[in-house]
Amino acid sequence: MANSDKNILITPNKNAAGIPQIALTGFGASTISIVPSDGTTGKVNFVSSGSSVFSIDTNINVGNLFDVSNNQNIPIIEISDTKTKIGAAESKVIVRGDGLVLSSVGTTSLPLTSVEGTITYDDNHKTLKVYNGTIWVPVGGLKSGLTADTAAESTEQLIADYPDSPTGFYWILVDNIPYLFWVDMVYEGGGWILVLNNRINTSGMNSLNYSSATQRVVNYRGSYATFPTSRPDSFNLFVGLDAWIKLANANFSSTNRVCEIVAGSYQPLGAVHAHTKRASWNWTGWSGTYAWQGLSGAKIELGGSLPGLYTYHAANGFSLSTFDVDQDANAGNCAAAYSNQPWWYGACWSGSAWGGTGHQDAWYWDSSTTDYHSYGALYVR
């Protein structure tokens, strides 16, 4: 038989209701049909159960050259002259001349489980993520907070990207500059930044001037600088007040919250059963003289009373005073009278992180008599 005799010619039924096709029926009676398009596109479809599962098109100017779909006509593979797309809907991967386009998924939509090594794009945090077999983590350790080069944008971003992060030191950006902060990752979902810290009989933060107390990001006494071995039982701390609000505002939440604790010895914020007293409240920011503003939602969590910092100093709108800037309600300089300690003095104090001259060198929860403790701390989120 001559080669020309082996050709099979299918001529379209022009102006007819049907389209010519070749039907291939397997042993199980399932049929796949080869169907040319009724037009001039040069397209051939492979059809199963009435749906095109495979098609080839010789026209490079219109549509795709190659398509594979499932039995619901949802494209799984599409090849055109400019790109190749693999996958359906949000699971697609696109290969183009200018790069690879991965599927885009919101943080809350990331699959709880996936195949280890799966890569996707987190559209909320604008970060490429890989599934490590347990959780989704940013590729290359971006914004992990473990080094200054990978400083986190906020504690909320840190928790979203690294939900298993333990309590400890993390680098976090303030005005796009990385600083080291102690972050509690346990209490109420984590993300609480330590901003005030004091241990009994360690002189508090004496002689801290106004500029440092408000604008310098990290002020400390002790071994805060020995990261990563130090922890809050080895230093006293006063984070500059400008940084408090910037750190809190960097989170997605619209509410800035403060939590104060005291205990008989150093205890993490997350060790709730080891605290002696604990209270929290909301605040919106500072006045021009660093008085507390927008107080709300005060909550006694342990110990039976709100601290004097809230009821006397913050609620009365007292401004921050230091030994070199006197803004208190007293005739003299309260800061200078009490060991040069910075505080929101009225006339002068009822509850103080530092105590001072004539009093215990300790954290006072309320008043200035017996309600003092060996350890105290204030956190913001």
Protein backbone atom coordinates (compact mmCIF):
# COMPACT_ATOMS: atom_id res chain seq x y z
CA MET A 1 0.00 0.00 0.00
CA ALA A 2 1.33 3.42 -0.92
CA ASN A 3 1.92 6.00 1.80
CA SER A 4 -0.72 8.24 0.32
CA ASP A 5 -3.23 5.45 0.76
CA LYS A 6 -2.67 5.47 4.55
CA ASN A 7 -3.95 9.01 5.08
CA ILE A 8 -7.32 9.47 6.80
CA LEU A 9 -9.12 12.59 5.67
CA ILE A 10 -11.90 14.16 7.79
CA THR A 11 -13.83 16.86 6.00
CA PRO A 12 -15.88 19.27 8.16
CA ASN A 13 -19.62 19.16 7.62
CA LYS A 14 -20.01 22.74 6.54
CA ASN A 15 -23.45 24.17 7.26
CA ALA A 16 -24.38 20.96 9.06
CA ALA A 17 -25.44 20.47 12.66
CA GLY A 18 -22.70 18.02 13.61
CA ILE A 19 -18.91 18.25 13.72
CA PRO A 20 -16.88 15.31 12.36
CA GLN A 21 -14.94 13.38 14.98
CA ILE A 22 -13.04 10.19 15.63
CA ALA A 23 -14.24 8.28 18.70
CA LEU A 24 -11.79 5.99 20.50
CA THR A 25 -13.54 3.55 22.84
CA GLY A 26 -11.57 1.52 25.32
CA PHE A 27 -12.24 -1.90 26.81
CA GLY A 28 -14.26 -0.30 29.65
CA ALA A 29 -16.49 1.50 27.13
CA SER A 30 -15.10 4.95 28.06
CA THR A 31 -14.74 7.12 25.00
CA ILE A 32 -12.33 9.87 24.04
CA SER A 33 -13.15 11.76 20.86
CA ILE A 34 -10.80 13.71 18.60
CA VAL A 35 -12.76 16.73 17.40
CA PRO A 36 -11.54 19.49 15.06
CA SER A 37 -12.97 22.94 15.76
CA ASP A 38 -15.72 24.14 13.45
CA GLY A 39 -13.80 27.16 12.24
CA THR A 40 -10.48 28.32 10.88
CA THR A 41 -8.37 28.25 14.07
CA GLY A 42 -6.67 24.98 13.28
CA LYS A 43 -7.59 23.65 16.72
CA VAL A 44 -8.09 19.99 17.61
CA ASN A 45 -9.86 18.96 20.84
CA PHE A 46 -9.70 15.69 22.71
CA VAL A 47 -13.09 15.33 24.37
CA SER A 48 -14.23 13.07 27.22
CA SER A 49 -17.75 13.02 28.67
CA GLY A 50 -18.58 16.13 26.67
CA SER A 51 -15.67 18.19 28.05
CA SER A 52 -12.46 19.11 26.29
CA VAL A 53 -9.55 17.62 28.27
CA PHE A 54 -6.79 18.31 25.77
CA SER A 55 -6.43 20.68 22.82
CA ILE A 56 -3.81 21.79 20.30
CA ASP A 57 -4.08 24.99 18.28
CA THR A 58 -1.80 25.97 15.41
CA ASN A 59 -2.88 29.64 15.50
CA ILE A 60 -0.23 31.44 17.60
CA ASN A 61 -2.00 34.79 17.38
CA VAL A 62 -5.16 33.89 19.29
CA GLY A 63 -5.58 31.93 22.55
CA ASN A 64 -3.38 29.08 23.70
CA LEU A 65 -1.33 26.67 21.65
CA PHE A 66 -1.85 23.84 24.11
CA ASP A 67 -4.49 23.22 26.80
CA VAL A 68 -5.20 20.46 29.31
CA SER A 69 -8.38 20.67 31.40
CA ASN A 70 -10.17 18.47 33.91
CA ASN A 71 -13.59 17.01 33.31
CA GLN A 72 -15.20 20.26 34.47
CA ASN A 73 -13.47 22.31 31.77
CA ILE A 74 -11.16 23.95 34.35
CA PRO A 75 -7.74 24.58 32.74
CA ILE A 76 -4.87 22.67 34.36
CA ILE A 77 -2.12 23.39 31.82
CA GLU A 78 -2.13 26.30 29.36
CA ILE A 79 0.69 27.10 26.94
CA SER A 80 0.69 30.22 24.77
CA ASP A 81 3.45 31.99 22.88
CA THR A 82 4.20 34.13 25.98
CA LYS A 83 3.66 31.91 29.03
CA THR A 84 3.03 28.47 30.47
CA LYS A 85 0.48 28.12 33.30
CA ILE A 86 0.25 24.99 35.43
CA GLY A 87 -2.54 24.47 37.94
CA ALA A 88 -6.05 25.78 38.46
CA ALA A 89 -7.36 28.95 40.10
CA GLU A 90 -5.31 30.01 43.16
CA SER A 91 -2.98 27.01 42.84
CA LYS A 92 -1.56 28.04 39.50
CA VAL A 93 2.10 28.47 38.62
CA ILE A 94 2.95 30.62 35.58
CA VAL A 95 6.23 30.47 33.69
CA ARG A 96 6.83 33.59 31.60
CA GLY A 97 9.71 35.06 29.72
CA ASP A 98 10.42 37.49 32.59
CA GLY A 99 10.19 34.98 35.44
CA LEU A 100 8.15 32.49 37.47
CA VAL A 101 4.78 33.55 38.95
CA LEU A 102 3.66 31.47 41.94
CA SER A 103 0.19 31.16 43.38
CA SER A 104 -0.76 34.01 45.74
CA VAL A 105 -2.40 33.12 49.06
CA GLY A 106 -3.42 35.27 52.04
CA THR A 107 -1.79 34.49 55.41
CA THR A 108 -5.01 33.11 56.88
CA SER A 109 -5.58 30.96 53.77
CA LEU A 110 -2.27 29.10 53.86
CA PRO A 111 -3.00 25.35 54.07
CA LEU A 112 -2.59 23.97 57.59
CA THR A 113 -0.72 21.02 56.12
CA SER A 114 1.08 20.61 52.84
CA VAL A 115 3.90 18.67 51.22
CA GLU A 116 7.24 19.64 52.74
CA GLY A 117 9.10 21.93 50.35
CA THR A 118 5.94 23.50 48.90
CA ILE A 119 6.50 27.17 47.98
CA THR A 120 3.83 29.87 47.73
CA TYR A 121 3.51 33.64 47.97
CA ASP A 122 1.95 35.23 51.08
CA ASP A 123 -0.02 38.15 49.65
CA ASN A 124 -0.63 39.76 53.08
CA HIS A 125 3.01 40.02 54.11
CA LYS A 126 4.39 40.18 50.54
CA THR A 127 6.75 37.29 51.32
CA LEU A 128 7.74 34.06 49.60
CA LYS A 129 7.08 31.16 51.98
CA VAL A 130 8.04 27.49 52.08
CA TYR A 131 6.35 24.72 54.07
CA ASN A 132 9.00 23.04 56.26
CA GLY A 133 6.87 20.06 57.20
CA THR A 134 5.37 21.81 60.24
CA ILE A 135 4.71 25.49 59.48
CA TRP A 136 5.01 28.03 56.66
CA VAL A 137 8.21 30.11 57.02
CA PRO A 138 9.59 32.96 54.89
CA VAL A 139 12.20 31.85 52.39
CA GLY A 140 15.72 32.82 53.44
CA GLY A 141 14.77 33.66 57.03
CA LEU A 142 13.43 37.07 56.07
CA LYS A 143 12.16 39.19 58.98
CA SER A 144 12.77 36.46 61.55
CA GLY A 145 14.07 39.02 64.06
CA LEU A 146 17.04 36.81 64.91
CA THR A 147 19.61 39.23 63.49
CA ALA A 148 19.73 42.94 62.76
CA ASP A 149 19.68 42.12 59.04
CA THR A 150 16.44 40.13 59.45
CA ALA A 151 14.70 42.55 61.85
CA ALA A 152 10.93 42.11 62.07
CA GLU A 153 8.55 44.89 61.06
CA SER A 154 6.44 44.25 64.16
CA THR A 155 5.76 41.54 66.71
CA GLU A 156 2.52 40.73 64.90
CA GLN A 157 4.44 40.11 61.66
CA LEU A 158 6.93 38.00 63.61
CA ILE A 159 4.18 35.81 65.06
CA ALA A 160 2.41 35.48 61.71
CA ASP A 161 5.59 34.33 59.95
CA TYR A 162 7.08 32.36 62.86
CA PRO A 163 4.20 31.26 65.09
CA ASP A 164 6.41 28.94 67.16
CA SER A 165 8.87 31.69 68.16
CA PRO A 166 9.76 31.44 71.88
CA THR A 167 9.97 34.27 74.39
CA GLY A 168 13.31 36.07 74.09
CA PHE A 169 15.26 38.82 72.36
CA TYR A 170 14.27 39.88 68.83
CA TRP A 171 15.40 42.61 66.49
CA ILE A 172 12.48 44.87 65.54
CA LEU A 173 12.47 47.93 63.31
CA VAL A 174 11.79 51.39 64.73
CA ASP A 175 11.88 54.07 62.03
CA ASN A 176 13.47 51.42 59.77
CA ILE A 177 16.38 50.96 62.19
CA PRO A 178 16.78 47.57 63.96
CA TYR A 179 16.79 47.49 67.77
CA LEU A 180 16.90 44.60 70.19
CA PHE A 181 13.84 44.02 72.40
CA TRP A 182 12.70 41.37 74.86
CA VAL A 183 9.41 39.93 73.55
CA ASP A 184 7.02 37.69 75.47
CA MET A 185 5.53 35.13 73.09
CA VAL A 186 3.15 33.41 75.52
CA TYR A 187 0.78 35.87 77.24
CA GLU A 188 -2.49 36.34 75.32
CA GLY A 189 -1.04 35.09 72.04
CA GLY A 190 2.37 36.74 72.40
CA GLY A 191 3.98 39.79 70.83
CA TRP A 192 4.37 41.82 74.06
CA ILE A 193 7.45 44.08 74.14
CA LEU A 194 9.18 44.82 77.45
CA VAL A 195 9.51 48.62 77.86
CA LEU A 196 10.09 49.08 81.63
CA ASN A 197 11.94 46.63 83.86
CA ASN A 198 13.31 46.89 87.42
CA ARG A 199 14.89 44.61 90.02
CA ILE A 200 15.03 45.47 93.70
CA ASN A 201 18.15 47.24 95.03
CA THR A 202 19.72 47.93 91.62
CA SER A 203 19.25 51.74 91.48
CA GLY A 204 16.51 51.64 88.85
CA MET A 205 17.16 54.08 85.98
CA ASN A 206 18.63 56.92 88.04
CA SER A 207 19.93 60.00 86.19
CA LEU A 208 18.21 59.13 82.91
CA ASN A 209 17.73 62.48 81.18
CA TYR A 210 14.61 63.68 79.39
CA SER A 211 15.98 63.34 75.86
CA SER A 212 16.98 59.71 76.40
CA ALA A 213 13.76 58.83 78.23
CA THR A 214 11.67 60.10 75.33
CA GLN A 215 13.73 59.75 72.16
CA ARG A 216 16.54 57.25 72.72
CA VAL A 217 15.09 53.87 71.84
CA VAL A 218 16.79 51.59 74.39
CA ASN A 219 18.10 52.71 77.81
CA TYR A 220 19.31 50.09 80.27
CA ARG A 221 21.37 49.37 83.35
CA GLY A 222 23.02 45.97 83.69
CA SER A 223 23.82 43.26 81.11
CA TYR A 224 21.15 43.93 78.49
CA ALA A 225 23.90 44.11 75.86
CA THR A 226 25.05 40.52 76.38
CA PHE A 227 22.54 39.13 73.89
CA PRO A 228 21.55 36.33 73.65
CA THR A 229 22.50 35.11 77.13
CA SER A 230 20.89 37.89 79.22
CA ARG A 231 17.26 38.03 80.27
CA PRO A 232 15.20 40.54 82.30
CA ASP A 233 16.63 39.41 85.66
CA SER A 234 20.00 40.83 84.59
CA PHE A 235 19.07 44.41 83.62
CA ASN A 236 16.85 47.42 84.29
CA LEU A 237 15.19 49.01 81.27
CA PHE A 238 13.49 52.19 80.09
CA VAL A 239 12.56 52.13 76.40
CA GLY A 240 12.17 55.67 75.04
CA LEU A 241 8.53 56.75 75.01
CA ASP A 242 8.50 57.62 71.31
CA ALA A 243 9.37 54.00 70.57
CA TRP A 244 6.50 52.68 72.73
CA ILE A 245 3.84 54.07 70.46
CA LYS A 246 5.74 53.26 67.26
CA LEU A 247 6.15 49.62 68.31
CA ALA A 248 2.47 49.32 69.26
CA ASN A 249 1.21 51.11 66.14
CA ALA A 250 3.27 48.84 63.88
CA ASN A 251 0.91 45.96 64.67
CA PHE A 252 -2.27 45.37 62.66
CA SER A 253 -4.50 45.79 65.71
CA SER A 254 -6.17 49.18 66.16
CA THR A 255 -5.82 48.97 69.97
CA ASN A 256 -2.57 49.68 71.84
CA ARG A 257 -2.43 47.86 75.18
CA VAL A 258 -0.20 48.02 78.25
CA CYS A 259 0.33 45.28 80.85
CA GLU A 260 2.00 45.84 84.25
CA ILE A 261 3.16 43.00 86.50
CA VAL A 262 4.96 42.60 89.85
CA ALA A 263 6.35 39.45 91.43
CA GLY A 264 8.63 38.19 94.18
CA SER A 265 11.38 37.53 91.63
CA TYR A 266 11.81 37.78 87.86
CA GLN A 267 8.91 36.14 86.06
CA PRO A 268 8.06 36.24 82.33
CA LEU A 269 4.81 37.95 81.39
CA GLY A 270 3.52 34.58 80.20
CA ALA A 271 4.06 32.98 83.63
CA VAL A 272 0.66 34.23 84.81
CA HIS A 273 0.44 31.97 87.88
CA ALA A 274 3.77 33.27 89.20
CA HIS A 275 2.77 36.97 89.29
CA THR A 276 1.77 38.73 92.50
CA LYS A 277 -0.31 41.40 90.74
CA ARG A 278 -1.20 42.11 87.12
CA ALA A 279 -3.30 44.72 85.32
CA SER A 280 -3.71 46.03 81.78
CA TRP A 281 -5.25 48.98 79.91
CA ASN A 282 -5.46 50.65 76.51
CA TRP A 283 -3.84 53.93 75.54
CA THR A 284 -3.64 55.82 72.27
CA GLY A 285 -0.42 57.81 72.66
CA TRP A 286 1.31 60.74 74.35
CA SER A 287 0.64 64.43 74.72
CA GLY A 288 3.32 66.96 73.82
CA THR A 289 4.71 66.57 77.36
CA TYR A 290 4.37 62.77 77.33
CA ALA A 291 1.25 62.51 79.45
CA TRP A 292 -0.83 59.38 78.80
CA GLN A 293 -3.74 59.85 76.39
CA GLY A 294 -6.78 57.82 75.35
CA LEU A 295 -6.98 55.58 78.42
CA SER A 296 -9.66 52.87 78.35
CA GLY A 297 -10.35 49.22 79.07
CA ALA A 298 -8.55 49.05 82.44
CA LYS A 299 -8.62 45.50 83.77
CA ILE A 300 -7.53 44.05 87.11
CA GLU A 301 -6.18 40.64 86.20
CA LEU A 302 -4.59 39.62 89.50
CA GLY A 303 -4.12 41.19 92.93
CA GLY A 304 -7.34 43.09 93.54
CA SER A 305 -6.42 46.64 92.47
CA LEU A 306 -5.23 48.73 89.57
CA PRO A 307 -1.70 50.11 89.90
CA GLY A 308 -0.97 53.68 90.90
CA LEU A 309 0.67 54.22 87.53
CA TYR A 310 -2.83 53.99 86.05
CA THR A 311 -5.10 55.43 88.77
CA TYR A 312 -2.90 58.36 89.85
CA HIS A 313 -0.25 59.14 87.25
CA ALA A 314 -1.86 58.24 83.92
CA ALA A 315 -5.51 59.00 84.78
CA ASN A 316 -4.60 62.47 86.07
CA GLY A 317 -2.67 63.31 82.93
CA PHE A 318 0.66 63.94 84.64
CA SER A 319 3.58 64.60 82.29
CA LEU A 320 6.89 62.80 82.27
CA SER A 321 9.49 64.47 84.49
CA THR A 322 13.22 63.84 84.76
CA PHE A 323 15.98 65.39 86.84
CA ASP A 324 16.71 67.83 84.00
CA VAL A 325 13.13 68.59 82.85
CA ASP A 326 10.61 69.31 85.62
CA GLN A 327 6.97 68.92 84.43
CA ASP A 328 5.37 67.63 87.63
CA ALA A 329 2.56 69.17 89.70
CA ASN A 330 4.80 69.72 92.71
CA ALA A 331 6.52 72.95 93.75
CA GLY A 332 9.88 71.20 93.57
CA ASN A 333 11.38 68.68 91.16
CA CYS A 334 10.06 65.26 92.14
CA ALA A 335 12.52 63.41 89.92
CA ALA A 336 15.47 65.15 91.58
CA ALA A 337 13.96 64.43 95.01
CA TYR A 338 13.67 60.70 94.28
CA SER A 339 17.11 59.57 93.15
CA ASN A 340 16.87 61.31 89.76
CA GLN A 341 14.42 58.66 88.56
CA PRO A 342 12.22 59.46 85.51
CA TRP A 343 8.45 59.15 86.09
CA TRP A 344 5.03 60.69 85.50
CA TYR A 345 5.17 62.59 88.78
CA GLY A 346 2.26 64.48 90.27
CA ALA A 347 2.98 65.69 93.79
CA CYS A 348 4.90 63.39 93.82
CA TRP A 349 4.00 59.70 93.32
CA SER A 350 1.68 56.85 94.26
CA GLY A 351 3.09 53.80 92.55
CA SER A 352 6.50 53.96 90.92
CA ALA A 353 8.77 51.61 89.02
CA TRP A 354 11.79 52.85 90.94
CA GLY A 355 10.90 54.10 94.43
CA GLY A 356 13.75 56.44 95.36
CA THR A 357 15.22 58.48 98.19
CA GLY A 358 13.66 57.62 101.54
CA HIS A 359 11.86 54.60 100.08
CA GLN A 360 12.72 51.11 98.96
CA ASP A 361 14.78 50.84 95.79
CA ALA A 362 12.03 48.73 94.23
CA TRP A 363 8.87 48.66 92.10
CA TYR A 364 5.83 50.04 93.95
CA TRP A 365 2.47 48.83 92.69
CA ASP A 366 0.47 51.51 94.50
CA SER A 367 1.06 54.21 97.12
CA SER A 368 4.56 54.75 98.56
CA THR A 369 4.53 52.61 101.69
CA THR A 370 4.47 48.82 101.80
CA ASP A 371 3.19 47.79 98.37
CA TYR A 372 6.64 47.27 96.83
CA HIS A 373 7.99 44.17 95.10
CA SER A 374 11.31 42.57 94.21
CA TYR A 375 10.50 42.61 90.51
CA GLY A 376 8.27 44.69 88.24
CA ALA A 377 7.80 45.13 84.50
CA LEU A 378 5.66 46.92 81.93
CA TYR A 379 4.93 45.56 78.46
CA VAL A 380 3.22 47.06 75.41
CA ARG A 381 1.59 45.53 72.32
